C-alpha atoms as a PDB file:
ATOM      1  CA  MET A   1     -58.700 114.083  34.745  1.00  0.00           C
ATOM      2  CA  ASP A   2     -55.351 112.327  34.985  1.00  0.00           C
ATOM      3  CA  ARG A   3     -52.678 115.016  34.583  1.00  0.00           C
ATOM      4  CA  ARG A   4     -50.454 112.576  32.726  1.00  0.00           C
ATOM      5  CA  LEU A   5     -52.887 112.660  29.804  1.00  0.00           C
ATOM      6  CA  MET A   6     -52.329 116.417  29.460  1.00  0.00           C
ATOM      7  CA  GLN A   7     -48.574 115.947  29.146  1.00  0.00           C
ATOM      8  CA  MET A   8     -48.454 112.937  26.844  1.00  0.00           C
ATOM      9  CA  THR A   9     -47.894 113.051  23.086  1.00  0.00           C
ATOM     10  CA  THR A  10     -48.708 110.863  20.096  1.00  0.00           C
ATOM     11  CA  LYS A  11     -45.360 109.109  20.490  1.00  0.00           C
ATOM     12  CA  ASP A  12     -46.340 107.946  23.989  1.00  0.00           C
ATOM     13  CA  PHE A  13     -49.317 106.029  22.576  1.00  0.00           C
ATOM     14  CA  LEU A  14     -47.869 104.470  19.417  1.00  0.00           C
ATOM     15  CA  GLU A  15     -47.619 101.019  21.012  1.00  0.00           C
ATOM     16  CA  THR A  16     -50.439 101.265  23.538  1.00  0.00           C
ATOM     17  CA  ALA A  17     -53.445 102.636  21.608  1.00  0.00           C
ATOM     18  CA  TYR A  18     -54.455 100.898  18.400  1.00  0.00           C
ATOM     19  CA  LEU A  19     -57.224  99.463  16.267  1.00  0.00           C
ATOM     20  CA  THR A  20     -57.249  95.850  15.129  1.00  0.00           C
ATOM     21  CA  SER A  21     -59.110  94.437  12.152  1.00  0.00           C
ATOM     22  CA  ASP A  22     -59.024  90.908  10.761  1.00  0.00           C
ATOM     23  CA  ARG A  23     -58.281  92.263   7.298  1.00  0.00           C
ATOM     24  CA  ILE A  24     -55.638  94.933   8.082  1.00  0.00           C
ATOM     25  CA  GLY A  25     -54.224  93.833  11.441  1.00  0.00           C
ATOM     26  CA  ARG A  26     -52.984  96.409  13.950  1.00  0.00           C
ATOM     27  CA  VAL A  27     -53.414 100.086  13.054  1.00  0.00           C
ATOM     28  CA  ARG A  28     -51.378 102.641  15.023  1.00  0.00           C
ATOM     29  CA  ILE A  29     -52.740 106.019  16.006  1.00  0.00           C
ATOM     30  CA  LYS A  30     -52.084 108.924  13.672  1.00  0.00           C
ATOM     31  CA  ALA A  31     -52.368 111.588  16.369  1.00  0.00           C
ATOM     32  CA  TYR A  32     -53.185 112.104  20.018  1.00  0.00           C
ATOM     33  CA  LEU A  33     -55.010 115.291  21.001  1.00  0.00           C
ATOM     34  CA  PRO A  34     -54.574 115.847  24.749  1.00  0.00           C
ATOM     35  CA  PRO A  35     -57.166 117.435  27.024  1.00  0.00           C
ATOM     36  CA  SER A  36     -56.766 121.012  28.156  1.00  0.00           C
ATOM     37  CA  ARG A  37     -57.896 122.841  31.262  1.00  0.00           C
ATOM     38  CA  SER A  38     -60.939 124.162  29.407  1.00  0.00           C
ATOM     39  CA  ASP A  39     -61.723 120.959  27.464  1.00  0.00           C
ATOM     40  CA  LEU A  40     -61.273 117.710  29.384  1.00  0.00           C
ATOM     41  CA  ILE A  41     -61.818 115.507  26.337  1.00  0.00           C
ATOM     42  CA  PHE A  42     -58.833 113.765  24.770  1.00  0.00           C
ATOM     43  CA  LYS A  43     -58.879 112.125  21.353  1.00  0.00           C
ATOM     44  CA  PHE A  44     -57.072 109.376  19.506  1.00  0.00           C
ATOM     45  CA  VAL A  45     -57.008 109.943  15.747  1.00  0.00           C
ATOM     46  CA  PHE A  46     -56.565 106.960  13.436  1.00  0.00           C
ATOM     47  CA  PRO A  47     -55.887 106.903   9.695  1.00  0.00           C
ATOM     48  CA  ARG A  48     -58.783 105.978   7.414  1.00  0.00           C
ATOM     49  CA  THR A  49     -56.475 103.996   5.123  1.00  0.00           C
ATOM     50  CA  VAL A  50     -53.340 101.870   5.512  1.00  0.00           C
ATOM     51  CA  ALA A  51     -51.317 100.966   2.411  1.00  0.00           C
ATOM     52  CA  GLU A  52     -54.155 102.420   0.307  1.00  0.00           C
ATOM     53  CA  LYS A  53     -56.680 100.020   1.882  1.00  0.00           C
ATOM     54  CA  PRO A  54     -59.544 101.299   4.038  1.00  0.00           C
ATOM     55  CA  VAL A  55     -59.106 100.489   7.707  1.00  0.00           C
ATOM     56  CA  VAL A  56     -62.823  99.729   7.953  1.00  0.00           C
ATOM     57  CA  ALA A  57     -64.766  98.161   5.088  1.00  0.00           C
ATOM     58  CA  PRO A  58     -68.398  96.995   4.839  1.00  0.00           C
ATOM     59  CA  GLU A  59     -67.290  93.363   4.532  1.00  0.00           C
ATOM     60  CA  ASP A  60     -65.506  93.471   7.906  1.00  0.00           C
ATOM     61  CA  LYS A  61     -67.318  91.869  10.835  1.00  0.00           C
ATOM     62  CA  HIS A  62     -65.813  93.983  13.610  1.00  0.00           C
ATOM     63  CA  LEU A  63     -63.116  96.474  14.583  1.00  0.00           C
ATOM     64  CA  THR A  64     -61.432  96.458  17.991  1.00  0.00           C
ATOM     65  CA  PHE A  65     -59.966  99.450  19.817  1.00  0.00           C
ATOM     66  CA  THR A  66     -57.345  98.678  22.482  1.00  0.00           C
ATOM     67  CA  TRP A  67     -55.740 101.130  24.887  1.00  0.00           C
ATOM     68  CA  ARG A  68     -53.241 100.151  27.564  1.00  0.00           C
ATOM     69  CA  PHE A  69     -52.738 102.862  30.169  1.00  0.00           C
ATOM     70  CA  ASP A  70     -53.116 101.914  33.851  1.00  0.00           C
ATOM     71  CA  SER A  71     -55.284  99.002  32.777  1.00  0.00           C
ATOM     72  CA  VAL A  72     -56.385  97.612  29.424  1.00  0.00           C
ATOM     73  CA  VAL A  73     -59.471  99.020  27.708  1.00  0.00           C
ATOM     74  CA  THR A  74     -60.829  96.967  24.830  1.00  0.00           C
ATOM     75  CA  VAL A  75     -63.915  97.948  22.832  1.00  0.00           C
ATOM     76  CA  THR A  76     -65.176  95.953  19.870  1.00  0.00           C
ATOM     77  CA  PHE A  77     -67.410  97.640  17.294  1.00  0.00           C
ATOM     78  CA  LYS A  78     -69.667  95.542  15.087  1.00  0.00           C
ATOM     79  CA  ILE A  79     -69.367  96.931  11.571  1.00  0.00           C
ATOM     80  CA  LYS A  80     -73.016  96.162  10.804  1.00  0.00           C
ATOM     81  CA  ASN A  81     -73.898  98.657  13.574  1.00  0.00           C
ATOM     82  CA  LEU A  82     -71.851 101.352  11.802  1.00  0.00           C
ATOM     83  CA  MET A  83     -73.920 101.045   8.629  1.00  0.00           C
ATOM     84  CA  TYR A  84     -76.558 103.669   7.740  1.00  0.00           C
ATOM     85  CA  LYS A  85     -78.702 103.312   4.634  1.00  0.00           C
ATOM     86  CA  GLY A  86     -76.268 100.735   3.274  1.00  0.00           C
ATOM     87  CA  ARG A  87     -73.198 102.937   3.787  1.00  0.00           C
ATOM     88  CA  LEU A  88     -70.469 102.705   6.369  1.00  0.00           C
ATOM     89  CA  GLU A  89     -70.656 105.776   8.638  1.00  0.00           C
ATOM     90  CA  TYR A  90     -68.061 106.445  11.312  1.00  0.00           C
END
């Protein structure tokens, strides 16, 4: 585990970790939960709504997560793959 991740805060990721949707645009993280010595998992927490609009909606085609750290990580999620029994589940 990169020790820097244990020392960083939400503020450190405001411009480098975000979601992008065609409908909403760029969505900043709400919180960063760093790893600990006993739990090596770190988490980015994003809001479910922006300006009272859902960040992800069934009519969206995809949602992209981008994280710039030492390199750029980009993951695109197809919204249709997040549907379960006709409902958006994430």
